[in-house]
Amino acid sequence: MDYSIIYHPEVKNDILGIPKNIKDRIKKAIENKLLADPIKYGEPLRRSLQGYRKLRVGNYRIIYKIEKNNIEVLKIGHRREVYDKPRYE
């Protein structure tokens, strides 16, 4: 199945403070893992974030949701803060 990526408008702000080498790893993870098989590579989240998934890239997490053929990337951030201020529906 072919997927397309949709980014939440605030993801631009999320990646501003991330070091360049980590940004490159995140980009590769999105291109090589999320677009290939988002269910296989991502883990489902629990409790209040049920229905969302995460992809781990070192100490950073990509929070996303799958809707039909679209992968909506909602937030990218360090593991200690990515779950604190959610922008989830």
PDB file of N, CA and C in Angstrom:
ATOM      1  N   MET A   1       0.838  -1.175   0.000  1.00  0.00           N
ATOM      2  CA  MET A   1       0.000   0.000   0.000  1.00  0.00           C
ATOM      3  C   MET A   1       0.884   1.240   0.000  1.00  0.00           C
ATOM      4  N   ASP A   2       0.546   2.204  -0.806  1.00  0.00           N
ATOM      5  CA  ASP A   2       1.302   3.453  -0.874  1.00  0.00           C
ATOM      6  C   ASP A   2       0.721   4.456   0.117  1.00  0.00           C
ATOM      7  N   TYR A   3       1.596   5.024   0.907  1.00  0.00           N
ATOM      8  CA  TYR A   3       1.191   6.017   1.901  1.00  0.00           C
ATOM      9  C   TYR A   3       1.734   7.378   1.510  1.00  0.00           C
ATOM     10  N   SER A   4       1.058   8.405   1.960  1.00  0.00           N
ATOM     11  CA  SER A   4       1.575   9.757   1.806  1.00  0.00           C
ATOM     12  C   SER A   4       1.649  10.396   3.189  1.00  0.00           C
ATOM     13  N   ILE A   5       2.599  11.289   3.357  1.00  0.00           N
ATOM     14  CA  ILE A   5       2.842  11.938   4.644  1.00  0.00           C
ATOM     15  C   ILE A   5       2.161  13.301   4.662  1.00  0.00           C
ATOM     16  N   ILE A   6       1.472  13.565   5.745  1.00  0.00           N
ATOM     17  CA  ILE A   6       0.883  14.879   5.985  1.00  0.00           C
ATOM     18  C   ILE A   6       1.456  15.356   7.322  1.00  0.00           C
ATOM     19  N   TYR A   7       2.033  16.548   7.338  1.00  0.00           N
ATOM     20  CA  TYR A   7       2.622  17.094   8.557  1.00  0.00           C
ATOM     21  C   TYR A   7       1.680  18.103   9.198  1.00  0.00           C
ATOM     22  N   HIS A   8       1.555  18.021  10.504  1.00  0.00           N
ATOM     23  CA  HIS A   8       0.827  19.040  11.260  1.00  0.00           C
ATOM     24  C   HIS A   8       1.593  20.350  11.078  1.00  0.00           C
ATOM     25  N   PRO A   9       0.908  21.487  10.979  1.00  0.00           N
ATOM     26  CA  PRO A   9       1.622  22.766  10.751  1.00  0.00           C
ATOM     27  C   PRO A   9       2.687  23.095  11.795  1.00  0.00           C
ATOM     28  N   GLU A  10       2.543  22.634  13.020  1.00  0.00           N
ATOM     29  CA  GLU A  10       3.503  22.978  14.069  1.00  0.00           C
ATOM     30  C   GLU A  10       4.731  22.075  14.095  1.00  0.00           C
ATOM     31  N   VAL A  11       4.782  21.062  13.234  1.00  0.00           N
ATOM     32  CA  VAL A  11       5.960  20.188  13.184  1.00  0.00           C
ATOM     33  C   VAL A  11       7.196  20.995  12.789  1.00  0.00           C
ATOM     34  N   LYS A  12       7.007  22.042  11.992  1.00  0.00           N
ATOM     35  CA  LYS A  12       8.136  22.920  11.631  1.00  0.00           C
ATOM     36  C   LYS A  12       8.819  23.469  12.875  1.00  0.00           C
ATOM     37  N   ASN A  13       8.018  23.872  13.853  1.00  0.00           N
ATOM     38  CA  ASN A  13       8.571  24.419  15.093  1.00  0.00           C
ATOM     39  C   ASN A  13       9.241  23.330  15.926  1.00  0.00           C
ATOM     40  N   ASP A  14       8.717  22.117  15.848  1.00  0.00           N
ATOM     41  CA  ASP A  14       9.279  21.002  16.613  1.00  0.00           C
ATOM     42  C   ASP A  14      10.728  20.736  16.234  1.00  0.00           C
ATOM     43  N   ILE A  15      11.028  20.809  14.948  1.00  0.00           N
ATOM     44  CA  ILE A  15      12.352  20.393  14.490  1.00  0.00           C
ATOM     45  C   ILE A  15      13.404  21.506  14.537  1.00  0.00           C
ATOM     46  N   LEU A  16      12.994  22.705  14.896  1.00  0.00           N
ATOM     47  CA  LEU A  16      13.945  23.819  14.914  1.00  0.00           C
ATOM     48  C   LEU A  16      15.100  23.585  15.881  1.00  0.00           C
ATOM     49  N   GLY A  17      14.835  23.063  17.050  1.00  0.00           N
ATOM     50  CA  GLY A  17      15.893  22.901  18.056  1.00  0.00           C
ATOM     51  C   GLY A  17      16.607  21.570  18.006  1.00  0.00           C
ATOM     52  N   ILE A  18      16.279  20.741  17.050  1.00  0.00           N
ATOM     53  CA  ILE A  18      16.892  19.417  16.954  1.00  0.00           C
ATOM     54  C   ILE A  18      18.209  19.518  16.179  1.00  0.00           C
ATOM     55  N   PRO A  19      19.274  18.886  16.673  1.00  0.00           N
ATOM     56  CA  PRO A  19      20.564  18.915  15.956  1.00  0.00           C
ATOM     57  C   PRO A  19      20.443  18.338  14.542  1.00  0.00           C
ATOM     58  N   LYS A  20      21.273  18.851  13.636  1.00  0.00           N
ATOM     59  CA  LYS A  20      21.191  18.474  12.219  1.00  0.00           C
ATOM     60  C   LYS A  20      21.358  16.973  12.002  1.00  0.00           C
ATOM     61  N   ASN A  21      22.276  16.326  12.711  1.00  0.00           N
ATOM     62  CA  ASN A  21      22.482  14.894  12.495  1.00  0.00           C
ATOM     63  C   ASN A  21      21.235  14.093  12.901  1.00  0.00           C
ATOM     64  N   ILE A  22      20.532  14.553  13.928  1.00  0.00           N
ATOM     65  CA  ILE A  22      19.303  13.874  14.345  1.00  0.00           C
ATOM     66  C   ILE A  22      18.188  14.148  13.337  1.00  0.00           C
ATOM     67  N   LYS A  23      18.141  15.380  12.819  1.00  0.00           N
ATOM     68  CA  LYS A  23      17.139  15.708  11.786  1.00  0.00           C
ATOM     69  C   LYS A  23      17.297  14.777  10.584  1.00  0.00           C
ATOM     70  N   ASP A  24      18.540  14.520  10.196  1.00  0.00           N
ATOM     71  CA  ASP A  24      18.796  13.629   9.064  1.00  0.00           C
ATOM     72  C   ASP A  24      18.316  12.212   9.367  1.00  0.00           C
ATOM     73  N   ARG A  25      18.552  11.740  10.594  1.00  0.00           N
ATOM     74  CA  ARG A  25      18.093  10.402  10.982  1.00  0.00           C
ATOM     75  C   ARG A  25      16.569  10.328  10.994  1.00  0.00           C
ATOM     76  N   ILE A  26      15.924  11.399  11.458  1.00  0.00           N
ATOM     77  CA  ILE A  26      14.457  11.441  11.494  1.00  0.00           C
ATOM     78  C   ILE A  26      13.907  11.412  10.073  1.00  0.00           C
ATOM     79  N   LYS A  27      14.512  12.196   9.195  1.00  0.00           N
ATOM     80  CA  LYS A  27      14.070  12.232   7.795  1.00  0.00           C
ATOM     81  C   LYS A  27      14.196  10.853   7.152  1.00  0.00           C
ATOM     82  N   LYS A  28      15.325  10.182   7.376  1.00  0.00           N
ATOM     83  CA  LYS A  28      15.518   8.838   6.815  1.00  0.00           C
ATOM     84  C   LYS A  28      14.519   7.852   7.389  1.00  0.00           C
ATOM     85  N   ALA A  29      14.229   7.968   8.681  1.00  0.00           N
ATOM     86  CA  ALA A  29      13.263   7.061   9.313  1.00  0.00           C
ATOM     87  C   ALA A  29      11.872   7.251   8.712  1.00  0.00           C
ATOM     88  N   ILE A  30      11.502   8.492   8.468  1.00  0.00           N
ATOM     89  CA  ILE A  30      10.189   8.758   7.873  1.00  0.00           C
ATOM     90  C   ILE A  30      10.142   8.199   6.457  1.00  0.00           C
ATOM     91  N   GLU A  31      11.181   8.453   5.678  1.00  0.00           N
ATOM     92  CA  GLU A  31      11.194   7.996   4.285  1.00  0.00           C
ATOM     93  C   GLU A  31      11.303   6.479   4.171  1.00  0.00           C
ATOM     94  N   ASN A  32      12.164   5.862   4.983  1.00  0.00           N
ATOM     95  CA  ASN A  32      12.440   4.434   4.827  1.00  0.00           C
ATOM     96  C   ASN A  32      11.531   3.532   5.640  1.00  0.00           C
ATOM     97  N   LYS A  33      11.058   3.999   6.772  1.00  0.00           N
ATOM     98  CA  LYS A  33      10.248   3.138   7.628  1.00  0.00           C
ATOM     99  C   LYS A  33       8.768   3.491   7.567  1.00  0.00           C
ATOM    100  N   LEU A  34       8.442   4.756   7.832  1.00  0.00           N
ATOM    101  CA  LEU A  34       7.026   5.118   7.864  1.00  0.00           C
ATOM    102  C   LEU A  34       6.357   4.926   6.513  1.00  0.00           C
ATOM    103  N   LEU A  35       6.986   5.376   5.471  1.00  0.00           N
ATOM    104  CA  LEU A  35       6.372   5.240   4.152  1.00  0.00           C
ATOM    105  C   LEU A  35       6.336   3.786   3.686  1.00  0.00           C
ATOM    106  N   ALA A  36       7.260   2.977   4.161  1.00  0.00           N
ATOM    107  CA  ALA A  36       7.294   1.564   3.764  1.00  0.00           C
ATOM    108  C   ALA A  36       6.214   0.766   4.482  1.00  0.00           C
ATOM    109  N   ASP A  37       6.176   0.858   5.805  1.00  0.00           N
ATOM    110  CA  ASP A  37       5.202   0.081   6.580  1.00  0.00           C
ATOM    111  C   ASP A  37       5.026   0.706   7.965  1.00  0.00           C
ATOM    112  N   PRO A  38       4.116   1.668   8.095  1.00  0.00           N
ATOM    113  CA  PRO A  38       3.971   2.380   9.367  1.00  0.00           C
ATOM    114  C   PRO A  38       3.469   1.503  10.511  1.00  0.00           C
ATOM    115  N   ILE A  39       2.790   0.426  10.204  1.00  0.00           N
ATOM    116  CA  ILE A  39       2.283  -0.461  11.259  1.00  0.00           C
ATOM    117  C   ILE A  39       3.408  -1.344  11.792  1.00  0.00           C
ATOM    118  N   LYS A  40       4.254  -1.831  10.909  1.00  0.00           N
ATOM    119  CA  LYS A  40       5.354  -2.712  11.311  1.00  0.00           C
ATOM    120  C   LYS A  40       6.380  -1.984  12.169  1.00  0.00           C
ATOM    121  N   TYR A  41       6.758  -0.781  11.766  1.00  0.00           N
ATOM    122  CA  TYR A  41       7.851  -0.078  12.426  1.00  0.00           C
ATOM    123  C   TYR A  41       7.405   0.757  13.628  1.00  0.00           C
ATOM    124  N   GLY A  42       6.168   1.208  13.646  1.00  0.00           N
ATOM    125  CA  GLY A  42       5.696   2.034  14.746  1.00  0.00           C
ATOM    126  C   GLY A  42       5.025   1.213  15.821  1.00  0.00           C
ATOM    127  N   GLU A  43       5.020   1.748  17.022  1.00  0.00           N
ATOM    128  CA  GLU A  43       4.366   1.075  18.145  1.00  0.00           C
ATOM    129  C   GLU A  43       3.101   1.851  18.511  1.00  0.00           C
ATOM    130  N   PRO A  44       2.039   1.143  18.843  1.00  0.00           N
ATOM    131  CA  PRO A  44       0.816   1.843  19.268  1.00  0.00           C
ATOM    132  C   PRO A  44       1.000   2.479  20.642  1.00  0.00           C
ATOM    133  N   LEU A  45       0.385   3.627  20.817  1.00  0.00           N
ATOM    134  CA  LEU A  45       0.413   4.295  22.110  1.00  0.00           C
ATOM    135  C   LEU A  45      -0.808   3.868  22.916  1.00  0.00           C
ATOM    136  N   ARG A  46      -0.744   4.074  24.217  1.00  0.00           N
ATOM    137  CA  ARG A  46      -1.810   3.603  25.095  1.00  0.00           C
ATOM    138  C   ARG A  46      -2.463   4.764  25.837  1.00  0.00           C
ATOM    139  N   ARG A  47      -3.436   4.399  26.628  1.00  0.00           N
ATOM    140  CA  ARG A  47      -4.177   5.311  27.501  1.00  0.00           C
ATOM    141  C   ARG A  47      -4.780   6.467  26.726  1.00  0.00           C
ATOM    142  N   SER A  48      -4.471   7.693  27.095  1.00  0.00           N
ATOM    143  CA  SER A  48      -5.123   8.845  26.469  1.00  0.00           C
ATOM    144  C   SER A  48      -4.679   9.050  25.019  1.00  0.00           C
ATOM    145  N   LEU A  49      -3.595   8.395  24.610  1.00  0.00           N
ATOM    146  CA  LEU A  49      -3.110   8.536  23.232  1.00  0.00           C
ATOM    147  C   LEU A  49      -3.428   7.301  22.387  1.00  0.00           C
ATOM    148  N   GLN A  50      -4.392   6.546  22.824  1.00  0.00           N
ATOM    149  CA  GLN A  50      -4.790   5.354  22.065  1.00  0.00           C
ATOM    150  C   GLN A  50      -5.265   5.774  20.676  1.00  0.00           C
ATOM    151  N   GLY A  51      -4.847   5.031  19.670  1.00  0.00           N
ATOM    152  CA  GLY A  51      -5.169   5.372  18.283  1.00  0.00           C
ATOM    153  C   GLY A  51      -4.007   6.044  17.568  1.00  0.00           C
ATOM    154  N   TYR A  52      -3.018   6.483  18.329  1.00  0.00           N
ATOM    155  CA  TYR A  52      -1.816   7.091  17.768  1.00  0.00           C
ATOM    156  C   TYR A  52      -0.673   6.092  17.855  1.00  0.00           C
ATOM    157  N   ARG A  53       0.369   6.359  17.106  1.00  0.00           N
ATOM    158  CA  ARG A  53       1.534   5.476  17.095  1.00  0.00           C
ATOM    159  C   ARG A  53       2.788   6.318  17.236  1.00  0.00           C
ATOM    160  N   LYS A  54       3.896   5.658  17.608  1.00  0.00           N
ATOM    161  CA  LYS A  54       5.175   6.355  17.718  1.00  0.00           C
ATOM    162  C   LYS A  54       6.233   5.576  16.965  1.00  0.00           C
ATOM    163  N   LEU A  55       7.176   6.314  16.412  1.00  0.00           N
ATOM    164  CA  LEU A  55       8.356   5.734  15.793  1.00  0.00           C
ATOM    165  C   LEU A  55       9.548   6.293  16.554  1.00  0.00           C
ATOM    166  N   ARG A  56      10.377   5.402  17.044  1.00  0.00           N
ATOM    167  CA  ARG A  56      11.537   5.793  17.847  1.00  0.00           C
ATOM    168  C   ARG A  56      12.736   6.021  16.943  1.00  0.00           C
ATOM    169  N   VAL A  57      13.400   7.160  17.132  1.00  0.00           N
ATOM    170  CA  VAL A  57      14.647   7.481  16.434  1.00  0.00           C
ATOM    171  C   VAL A  57      15.618   7.967  17.506  1.00  0.00           C
ATOM    172  N   GLY A  58      16.380   7.042  18.070  1.00  0.00           N
ATOM    173  CA  GLY A  58      17.266   7.384  19.183  1.00  0.00           C
ATOM    174  C   GLY A  58      16.439   7.843  20.367  1.00  0.00           C
ATOM    175  N   ASN A  59      16.733   9.036  20.887  1.00  0.00           N
ATOM    176  CA  ASN A  59      15.974   9.599  21.995  1.00  0.00           C
ATOM    177  C   ASN A  59      14.794  10.447  21.533  1.00  0.00           C
ATOM    178  N   TYR A  60      14.538  10.462  20.253  1.00  0.00           N
ATOM    179  CA  TYR A  60      13.445  11.257  19.697  1.00  0.00           C
ATOM    180  C   TYR A  60      12.303  10.357  19.263  1.00  0.00           C
ATOM    181  N   ARG A  61      11.105  10.934  19.259  1.00  0.00           N
ATOM    182  CA  ARG A  61       9.913  10.186  18.871  1.00  0.00           C
ATOM    183  C   ARG A  61       9.145  10.951  17.808  1.00  0.00           C
ATOM    184  N   ILE A  62       8.587  10.204  16.880  1.00  0.00           N
ATOM    185  CA  ILE A  62       7.694  10.756  15.867  1.00  0.00           C
ATOM    186  C   ILE A  62       6.313  10.214  16.210  1.00  0.00           C
ATOM    187  N   ILE A  63       5.391  11.097  16.540  1.00  0.00           N
ATOM    188  CA  ILE A  63       4.031  10.693  16.884  1.00  0.00           C
ATOM    189  C   ILE A  63       3.187  10.872  15.632  1.00  0.00           C
ATOM    190  N   TYR A  64       2.455   9.829  15.259  1.00  0.00           N
ATOM    191  CA  TYR A  64       1.673   9.887  14.033  1.00  0.00           C
ATOM    192  C   TYR A  64       0.392   9.087  14.159  1.00  0.00           C
ATOM    193  N   LYS A  65      -0.462   9.297  13.182  1.00  0.00           N
ATOM    194  CA  LYS A  65      -1.748   8.606  13.115  1.00  0.00           C
ATOM    195  C   LYS A  65      -1.948   8.161  11.666  1.00  0.00           C
ATOM    196  N   ILE A  66      -2.473   6.976  11.494  1.00  0.00           N
ATOM    197  CA  ILE A  66      -2.718   6.447  10.150  1.00  0.00           C
ATOM    198  C   ILE A  66      -4.204   6.579   9.848  1.00  0.00           C
ATOM    199  N   GLU A  67      -4.513   7.210   8.728  1.00  0.00           N
ATOM    200  CA  GLU A  67      -5.891   7.337   8.264  1.00  0.00           C
ATOM    201  C   GLU A  67      -5.907   6.985   6.785  1.00  0.00           C
ATOM    202  N   LYS A  68      -6.454   5.831   6.488  1.00  0.00           N
ATOM    203  CA  LYS A  68      -6.494   5.282   5.125  1.00  0.00           C
ATOM    204  C   LYS A  68      -5.086   5.224   4.553  1.00  0.00           C
ATOM    205  N   ASN A  69      -4.787   5.975   3.517  1.00  0.00           N
ATOM    206  CA  ASN A  69      -3.452   5.962   2.897  1.00  0.00           C
ATOM    207  C   ASN A  69      -2.582   7.129   3.358  1.00  0.00           C
ATOM    208  N   ASN A  70      -3.047   7.859   4.356  1.00  0.00           N
ATOM    209  CA  ASN A  70      -2.307   9.015   4.842  1.00  0.00           C
ATOM    210  C   ASN A  70      -1.697   8.735   6.206  1.00  0.00           C
ATOM    211  N   ILE A  71      -0.472   9.197   6.374  1.00  0.00           N
ATOM    212  CA  ILE A  71       0.185   9.159   7.676  1.00  0.00           C
ATOM    213  C   ILE A  71       0.305  10.606   8.117  1.00  0.00           C
ATOM    214  N   GLU A  72      -0.403  10.943   9.188  1.00  0.00           N
ATOM    215  CA  GLU A  72      -0.380  12.310   9.685  1.00  0.00           C
ATOM    216  C   GLU A  72       0.634  12.404  10.827  1.00  0.00           C
ATOM    217  N   VAL A  73       1.743  13.089  10.565  1.00  0.00           N
ATOM    218  CA  VAL A  73       2.770  13.291  11.582  1.00  0.00           C
ATOM    219  C   VAL A  73       2.334  14.481  12.425  1.00  0.00           C
ATOM    220  N   LEU A  74       2.083  14.216  13.710  1.00  0.00           N
ATOM    221  CA  LEU A  74       1.535  15.237  14.592  1.00  0.00           C
ATOM    222  C   LEU A  74       2.588  15.958  15.419  1.00  0.00           C
ATOM    223  N   LYS A  75       3.630  15.232  15.800  1.00  0.00           N
ATOM    224  CA  LYS A  75       4.633  15.853  16.654  1.00  0.00           C
ATOM    225  C   LYS A  75       5.950  15.083  16.550  1.00  0.00           C
ATOM    226  N   ILE A  76       7.048  15.820  16.613  1.00  0.00           N
ATOM    227  CA  ILE A  76       8.388  15.239  16.651  1.00  0.00           C
ATOM    228  C   ILE A  76       9.111  15.904  17.806  1.00  0.00           C
ATOM    229  N   GLY A  77       9.688  15.086  18.683  1.00  0.00           N
ATOM    230  CA  GLY A  77      10.384  15.691  19.812  1.00  0.00           C
ATOM    231  C   GLY A  77      11.152  14.681  20.636  1.00  0.00           C
ATOM    232  N   HIS A  78      11.883  15.209  21.611  1.00  0.00           N
ATOM    233  CA  HIS A  78      12.651  14.371  22.525  1.00  0.00           C
ATOM    234  C   HIS A  78      11.687  13.556  23.375  1.00  0.00           C
ATOM    235  N   ARG A  79      12.089  12.371  23.742  1.00  0.00           N
ATOM    236  CA  ARG A  79      11.208  11.443  24.436  1.00  0.00           C
ATOM    237  C   ARG A  79      10.696  11.979  25.765  1.00  0.00           C
ATOM    238  N   ARG A  80      11.452  12.839  26.422  1.00  0.00           N
ATOM    239  CA  ARG A  80      11.016  13.336  27.728  1.00  0.00           C
ATOM    240  C   ARG A  80       9.935  14.414  27.615  1.00  0.00           C
ATOM    241  N   GLU A  81       9.772  15.003  26.425  1.00  0.00           N
ATOM    242  CA  GLU A  81       8.800  16.091  26.304  1.00  0.00           C
ATOM    243  C   GLU A  81       7.742  15.880  25.227  1.00  0.00           C
ATOM    244  N   VAL A  82       7.906  14.896  24.393  1.00  0.00           N
ATOM    245  CA  VAL A  82       7.008  14.748  23.243  1.00  0.00           C
ATOM    246  C   VAL A  82       5.570  14.432  23.664  1.00  0.00           C
ATOM    247  N   TYR A  83       5.404  13.820  24.826  1.00  0.00           N
ATOM    248  CA  TYR A  83       4.064  13.458  25.270  1.00  0.00           C
ATOM    249  C   TYR A  83       3.434  14.519  26.167  1.00  0.00           C
ATOM    250  N   ASP A  84       4.201  15.537  26.590  1.00  0.00           N
ATOM    251  CA  ASP A  84       3.721  16.524  27.553  1.00  0.00           C
ATOM    252  C   ASP A  84       2.645  17.457  27.022  1.00  0.00           C
ATOM    253  N   LYS A  85       2.929  18.102  25.910  1.00  0.00           N
ATOM    254  CA  LYS A  85       1.997  19.078  25.355  1.00  0.00           C
ATOM    255  C   LYS A  85       1.442  18.559  24.039  1.00  0.00           C
ATOM    256  N   PRO A  86       0.490  17.679  24.128  1.00  0.00           N
ATOM    257  CA  PRO A  86      -0.001  17.068  22.889  1.00  0.00           C
ATOM    258  C   PRO A  86      -0.818  18.050  22.051  1.00  0.00           C
ATOM    259  N   ARG A  87      -0.819  17.820  20.775  1.00  0.00           N
ATOM    260  CA  ARG A  87      -1.669  18.576  19.856  1.00  0.00           C
ATOM    261  C   ARG A  87      -2.582  17.586  19.139  1.00  0.00           C
ATOM    262  N   TYR A  88      -3.002  16.646  19.892  1.00  0.00           N
ATOM    263  CA  TYR A  88      -3.830  15.575  19.347  1.00  0.00           C
ATOM    264  C   TYR A  88      -5.286  15.955  19.528  1.00  0.00           C
ATOM    265  N   GLU A  89      -6.116  15.464  18.686  1.00  0.00           N
ATOM    266  CA  GLU A  89      -7.542  15.808  18.675  1.00  0.00           C
ATOM    267  C   GLU A  89      -8.231  15.491  19.960  1.00  0.00           C
TER     268      GLU A  89
END
